N, C-alpha and C. Protein backbone atom coordinates (compact mmCIF):
# COMPACT_ATOMS: atom_id res chain seq x y z
N MET A 1 8.04 41.24 20.03
CA MET A 1 8.37 39.59 18.66
C MET A 1 6.53 38.85 19.12
N ALA A 2 5.37 39.51 18.52
CA ALA A 2 3.91 38.89 18.62
C ALA A 2 4.41 36.94 18.33
N SER A 3 3.54 36.27 19.38
CA SER A 3 3.62 35.10 19.14
C SER A 3 2.18 34.77 18.43
N THR A 4 2.61 33.82 17.82
CA THR A 4 1.58 33.06 16.52
C THR A 4 1.35 31.79 16.99
N PRO A 5 0.13 31.35 16.15
CA PRO A 5 -0.95 30.01 17.27
C PRO A 5 0.96 29.56 16.88
N SER A 6 1.00 29.51 15.25
CA SER A 6 2.68 27.57 15.46
C SER A 6 3.91 28.08 15.75
N SER A 7 3.60 29.25 16.30
CA SER A 7 4.96 30.06 17.42
C SER A 7 4.85 29.70 18.70
N ALA A 8 3.72 29.33 19.63
CA ALA A 8 2.81 29.88 20.65
C ALA A 8 3.83 28.29 21.73
N GLY A 9 3.96 28.79 22.66
CA GLY A 9 4.87 27.86 23.29
C GLY A 9 3.94 26.31 24.05
N ASP A 10 2.99 26.45 22.96
CA ASP A 10 2.32 24.99 24.27
C ASP A 10 2.35 23.61 23.51
N GLY A 11 3.05 23.33 22.86
CA GLY A 11 4.01 22.06 22.69
C GLY A 11 3.28 22.20 21.67
N ARG A 12 2.29 22.79 20.66
CA ARG A 12 1.58 22.09 19.58
C ARG A 12 2.11 22.61 17.91
N ARG A 13 3.27 22.88 18.36
CA ARG A 13 3.99 24.04 16.90
C ARG A 13 3.82 22.89 16.06
N GLY A 14 3.14 23.47 14.62
CA GLY A 14 3.46 22.34 13.67
C GLY A 14 2.52 20.77 13.94
N ARG A 15 1.74 21.38 14.53
CA ARG A 15 0.83 20.05 14.75
C ARG A 15 -0.91 21.17 13.64
N LEU A 16 -1.29 19.34 12.88
CA LEU A 16 -2.56 19.88 12.46
C LEU A 16 -3.56 19.85 13.15
N PRO A 17 -4.65 20.89 13.19
CA PRO A 17 -6.21 21.17 14.11
C PRO A 17 -6.56 19.56 14.37
N HIS A 18 -7.52 20.03 15.11
CA HIS A 18 -8.03 18.60 14.85
C HIS A 18 -8.86 18.63 14.49
N ARG A 19 -9.73 19.24 13.80
CA ARG A 19 -10.89 19.12 12.85
C ARG A 19 -10.14 19.32 10.94
N ILE A 20 -10.06 19.19 10.39
CA ILE A 20 -9.74 19.99 8.99
C ILE A 20 -11.31 19.98 8.54
N GLU A 21 -11.46 21.51 7.75
CA GLU A 21 -12.16 21.85 7.19
C GLU A 21 -11.89 20.90 5.67
N THR A 22 -13.22 20.87 5.50
CA THR A 22 -13.34 19.76 4.22
C THR A 22 -14.64 20.37 3.14
N ASP A 23 -14.02 19.99 1.86
CA ASP A 23 -15.48 20.56 1.00
C ASP A 23 -15.28 19.67 0.24
N ALA A 24 -16.78 18.66 0.93
CA ALA A 24 -17.35 17.29 0.41
C ALA A 24 -16.83 17.36 -1.77
N GLU A 25 -17.85 18.12 -2.22
CA GLU A 25 -17.72 18.76 -3.39
C GLU A 25 -15.79 18.58 -4.26
N ALA A 26 -15.34 19.82 -2.59
CA ALA A 26 -13.47 19.23 -3.52
C ALA A 26 -12.63 18.03 -3.31
N VAL A 27 -13.40 17.52 -2.56
CA VAL A 27 -12.85 16.15 -2.02
C VAL A 27 -12.51 15.03 -2.73
N GLN A 28 -14.19 14.48 -3.08
CA GLN A 28 -14.68 13.88 -4.47
C GLN A 28 -13.63 14.43 -6.06
N ARG A 29 -13.57 15.81 -6.06
CA ARG A 29 -13.29 16.26 -7.27
C ARG A 29 -10.99 16.04 -7.21
N ASP A 30 -11.24 15.74 -6.54
CA ASP A 30 -9.64 16.08 -6.16
C ASP A 30 -9.37 13.89 -6.51
N LEU A 31 -10.26 13.24 -5.55
CA LEU A 31 -10.19 12.17 -6.15
C LEU A 31 -10.31 11.60 -7.12
N VAL A 32 -11.09 11.79 -8.31
CA VAL A 32 -11.14 11.77 -9.39
C VAL A 32 -10.42 12.24 -10.17
N ARG A 33 -9.42 13.36 -9.78
CA ARG A 33 -8.34 13.62 -10.20
C ARG A 33 -6.90 12.73 -9.81
N LEU A 34 -7.11 12.38 -9.33
CA LEU A 34 -5.98 11.40 -8.87
C LEU A 34 -6.18 10.82 -9.65
N VAL A 35 -7.33 9.69 -9.08
CA VAL A 35 -7.55 8.17 -10.26
C VAL A 35 -7.23 7.99 -11.67
N LEU A 36 -8.09 9.45 -12.04
CA LEU A 36 -7.83 9.44 -13.99
C LEU A 36 -6.57 10.06 -13.98
N THR A 37 -5.25 10.71 -13.04
CA THR A 37 -4.46 10.81 -13.59
C THR A 37 -3.38 9.21 -13.27
N VAL A 38 -3.75 8.61 -11.71
CA VAL A 38 -3.01 7.23 -12.46
C VAL A 38 -2.77 6.80 -13.33
N VAL A 39 -4.09 6.74 -13.85
CA VAL A 39 -4.98 5.85 -15.18
C VAL A 39 -4.74 6.43 -16.23
N GLU A 40 -4.15 7.74 -16.62
CA GLU A 40 -3.84 8.64 -17.85
C GLU A 40 -1.91 7.85 -17.87
N LEU A 41 -0.86 7.70 -16.79
CA LEU A 41 -0.31 7.37 -16.20
C LEU A 41 0.07 5.60 -17.11
N VAL A 42 -0.71 4.84 -16.92
CA VAL A 42 -0.74 3.33 -17.10
C VAL A 42 -0.97 3.82 -18.75
N ARG A 43 -1.96 3.58 -18.84
CA ARG A 43 -2.24 4.76 -20.49
C ARG A 43 -0.79 4.43 -21.20
N GLN A 44 0.00 5.81 -20.77
CA GLN A 44 0.77 6.12 -21.58
C GLN A 44 2.26 4.98 -21.70
N LEU A 45 1.84 4.05 -20.14
CA LEU A 45 2.81 3.12 -20.76
C LEU A 45 3.00 2.23 -20.90
N MET A 46 1.73 1.95 -21.09
CA MET A 46 1.33 0.72 -22.22
C MET A 46 1.50 1.10 -23.74
N GLU A 47 1.10 2.24 -23.73
CA GLU A 47 1.24 3.18 -25.30
C GLU A 47 2.94 2.59 -26.15
N ARG A 48 3.48 3.12 -24.45
CA ARG A 48 4.97 3.35 -25.20
C ARG A 48 6.01 1.69 -25.37
N GLN A 49 5.09 0.87 -24.47
CA GLN A 49 5.37 -0.03 -24.44
C GLN A 49 4.87 -1.40 -25.72
N ALA A 50 3.95 -0.35 -26.31
CA ALA A 50 3.02 -1.03 -27.65
C ALA A 50 4.54 -0.48 -28.58
N LEU A 51 4.56 0.66 -28.60
CA LEU A 51 5.25 0.76 -29.56
C LEU A 51 6.99 0.21 -29.72
N ARG A 52 6.97 0.12 -28.27
CA ARG A 52 8.35 -0.83 -28.52
C ARG A 52 8.28 -2.07 -29.02
N ARG A 53 7.42 -2.91 -29.24
CA ARG A 53 6.66 -4.33 -28.70
C ARG A 53 6.56 -3.80 -30.66
N VAL A 54 6.04 -3.43 -31.60
CA VAL A 54 5.99 -2.85 -32.64
C VAL A 54 6.78 -2.88 -33.30
N GLU A 55 8.36 -1.14 -32.96
CA GLU A 55 9.36 -1.24 -33.58
C GLU A 55 10.32 -2.50 -33.15
N GLY A 56 10.08 -3.10 -32.71
CA GLY A 56 10.95 -4.40 -32.29
C GLY A 56 10.17 -5.50 -33.38
N GLY A 57 9.26 -5.49 -33.82
CA GLY A 57 9.08 -6.62 -34.89
C GLY A 57 7.91 -7.68 -33.95
N ASP A 58 8.02 -7.31 -32.89
CA ASP A 58 7.75 -8.77 -32.63
C ASP A 58 5.71 -9.00 -32.87
N LEU A 59 5.40 -7.98 -33.32
CA LEU A 59 3.73 -8.37 -33.42
C LEU A 59 3.71 -8.46 -35.17
N ASP A 60 2.67 -9.38 -35.39
CA ASP A 60 2.05 -9.48 -36.58
C ASP A 60 1.42 -8.06 -36.96
N GLU A 61 1.29 -8.15 -38.51
CA GLU A 61 0.40 -6.68 -38.76
C GLU A 61 -0.60 -6.74 -38.76
N GLN A 62 -1.83 -7.90 -38.12
CA GLN A 62 -3.10 -7.68 -37.39
C GLN A 62 -2.57 -6.98 -35.78
N GLN A 63 -1.72 -7.94 -35.22
CA GLN A 63 -2.31 -8.32 -33.97
C GLN A 63 -1.80 -6.46 -33.80
N GLU A 64 -0.52 -5.91 -35.19
CA GLU A 64 -0.57 -4.43 -34.73
C GLU A 64 -2.00 -2.90 -35.23
N GLU A 65 -3.01 -4.00 -35.74
CA GLU A 65 -4.49 -2.78 -35.79
C GLU A 65 -4.81 -3.02 -34.62
N GLU A 66 -4.99 -4.79 -34.12
CA GLU A 66 -5.65 -4.63 -33.12
C GLU A 66 -4.81 -3.75 -31.98
N LEU A 67 -3.55 -3.42 -31.42
CA LEU A 67 -3.57 -2.72 -30.75
C LEU A 67 -3.68 -1.26 -30.52
N GLY A 68 -3.11 -1.19 -31.75
CA GLY A 68 -3.59 0.28 -32.38
C GLY A 68 -4.99 0.85 -32.08
N MET A 69 -5.83 0.04 -32.36
CA MET A 69 -7.17 0.34 -31.85
C MET A 69 -7.22 0.78 -30.67
N ALA A 70 -7.20 -0.19 -30.20
CA ALA A 70 -7.28 -0.28 -28.44
C ALA A 70 -6.96 0.21 -28.07
N LEU A 71 -5.60 1.24 -28.08
CA LEU A 71 -5.49 2.06 -27.87
C LEU A 71 -5.86 3.17 -27.92
N MET A 72 -6.63 3.77 -29.26
CA MET A 72 -7.01 5.24 -29.15
C MET A 72 -7.82 4.66 -29.07
N LYS A 73 -9.30 3.80 -29.42
CA LYS A 73 -10.08 3.71 -27.84
C LYS A 73 -10.17 4.37 -26.72
N LEU A 74 -9.01 3.78 -26.27
CA LEU A 74 -7.96 3.66 -24.84
C LEU A 74 -8.32 5.28 -24.16
N SER A 75 -7.75 6.47 -24.95
CA SER A 75 -7.35 7.54 -25.03
C SER A 75 -8.35 8.27 -25.19
N GLU A 76 -9.94 7.83 -26.13
CA GLU A 76 -10.83 8.51 -26.58
C GLU A 76 -11.45 8.53 -25.28
N GLY A 77 -12.00 6.97 -24.69
CA GLY A 77 -12.25 7.30 -23.41
C GLY A 77 -11.75 7.81 -22.24
N MET A 78 -10.35 8.23 -22.23
CA MET A 78 -9.35 9.08 -21.37
C MET A 78 -10.20 10.26 -21.28
N GLN A 79 -10.32 10.81 -22.92
CA GLN A 79 -10.95 12.25 -23.48
C GLN A 79 -12.01 12.65 -22.99
N GLU A 80 -12.61 11.41 -22.37
CA GLU A 80 -14.64 11.30 -22.17
C GLU A 80 -14.51 11.96 -21.01
N LEU A 81 -13.77 10.98 -20.23
CA LEU A 81 -13.79 11.03 -18.46
C LEU A 81 -13.48 12.28 -18.75
N ARG A 82 -12.03 13.06 -19.20
CA ARG A 82 -11.43 14.30 -18.39
C ARG A 82 -12.05 15.65 -18.94
N ASP A 83 -13.53 15.46 -20.02
CA ASP A 83 -14.63 15.74 -20.45
C ASP A 83 -15.36 16.50 -19.15
N ARG A 84 -15.66 14.82 -18.78
CA ARG A 84 -17.12 14.44 -18.31
C ARG A 84 -16.96 15.53 -16.61
N PHE A 85 -15.48 15.44 -16.58
CA PHE A 85 -15.35 16.22 -15.01
C PHE A 85 -14.30 17.10 -15.34
N GLY A 86 -14.38 18.08 -16.43
CA GLY A 86 -14.01 18.81 -16.37
C GLY A 86 -12.28 19.59 -16.50
N PHE A 87 -11.63 17.93 -16.47
CA PHE A 87 -10.08 18.65 -16.35
C PHE A 87 -9.95 18.47 -17.63
N THR A 88 -8.24 18.95 -17.69
CA THR A 88 -7.57 19.04 -18.77
C THR A 88 -6.85 18.10 -18.52
N GLU A 89 -5.55 17.87 -19.73
CA GLU A 89 -4.32 17.15 -19.71
C GLU A 89 -3.91 17.60 -18.77
N ALA A 90 -3.65 18.76 -18.79
CA ALA A 90 -2.65 19.83 -17.91
C ALA A 90 -3.07 19.27 -16.38
N ASP A 91 -4.03 19.67 -16.09
CA ASP A 91 -5.27 19.10 -14.70
C ASP A 91 -4.20 17.77 -14.14
N LEU A 92 -4.26 16.67 -15.10
CA LEU A 92 -3.34 15.37 -14.82
C LEU A 92 -1.84 15.55 -14.24
N ASN A 93 -1.51 16.76 -14.86
CA ASN A 93 0.38 16.25 -14.68
C ASN A 93 0.58 16.88 -13.22
N ILE A 94 0.50 16.00 -12.43
CA ILE A 94 0.88 16.21 -10.71
C ILE A 94 1.96 16.97 -11.01
N ASP A 95 2.38 17.89 -10.42
CA ASP A 95 4.40 18.79 -9.90
C ASP A 95 4.91 17.98 -9.57
N LEU A 96 5.95 17.04 -9.04
CA LEU A 96 6.46 16.52 -8.70
C LEU A 96 7.62 17.06 -7.48
N GLY A 97 7.87 18.60 -7.89
CA GLY A 97 8.35 20.06 -7.05
C GLY A 97 9.71 19.48 -7.70
N PRO A 98 10.88 18.98 -7.09
CA PRO A 98 12.18 19.25 -8.09
C PRO A 98 12.63 17.99 -9.19
N LEU A 99 11.45 17.14 -9.15
CA LEU A 99 11.87 15.88 -9.79
C LEU A 99 10.68 16.25 -11.17
N GLY A 100 10.24 17.07 -11.20
CA GLY A 100 9.52 17.60 -12.70
C GLY A 100 8.30 17.09 -12.59
N PRO A 101 7.27 16.58 -13.55
CA PRO A 101 5.96 16.75 -13.86
C PRO A 101 6.01 14.95 -13.60
N LEU A 102 4.94 14.64 -13.08
CA LEU A 102 4.94 13.11 -13.10
C LEU A 102 4.52 12.94 -14.69
N LEU A 103 4.10 13.39 -15.63
CA LEU A 103 3.74 12.57 -16.80
C LEU A 103 4.63 13.55 -17.73
N PRO A 104 5.06 13.04 -18.21
CA PRO A 104 5.82 13.91 -19.84
C PRO A 104 5.07 14.46 -20.30
N ARG A 105 5.46 15.78 -20.86
CA ARG A 105 4.88 16.91 -21.63
C ARG A 105 5.30 15.89 -23.57
N ASP A 106 3.96 16.82 -24.08
CA ASP A 106 4.57 15.68 -25.36
C ASP A 106 4.33 16.77 -26.41
C-alpha cells in the first residue's frame, strides 16, 4: 500500500501546509459575501421583529408607515449591493450542514 502525504509517518498527519495558496480576489469576494450574509441575516431579523410589533398593535399608523419605508429601503439597498458584487440571494444563504441553511427560504 502506497503512502500518501497525509498518511506519512512523519508526524504531519492532518496539518495544513506552511503556506496556503490564496487568490486575493477570491478572498476579497468571500469576505464581501460573508459581510453581506451577516447584514442580510440582521435585516431579516429586524423585519420579523417589525412585523411582530405591527401585529401586536405596538405602533401607530405613522410609525408603521415609517417602519415599512425603512425596511423597503434597506431591502433595496441589499439588492443593490448583491447586484454590485454579483451575488444572488441564494449565494448569501450559507449551508450549516446538519443545521440546514442559515437564512430561511421564503
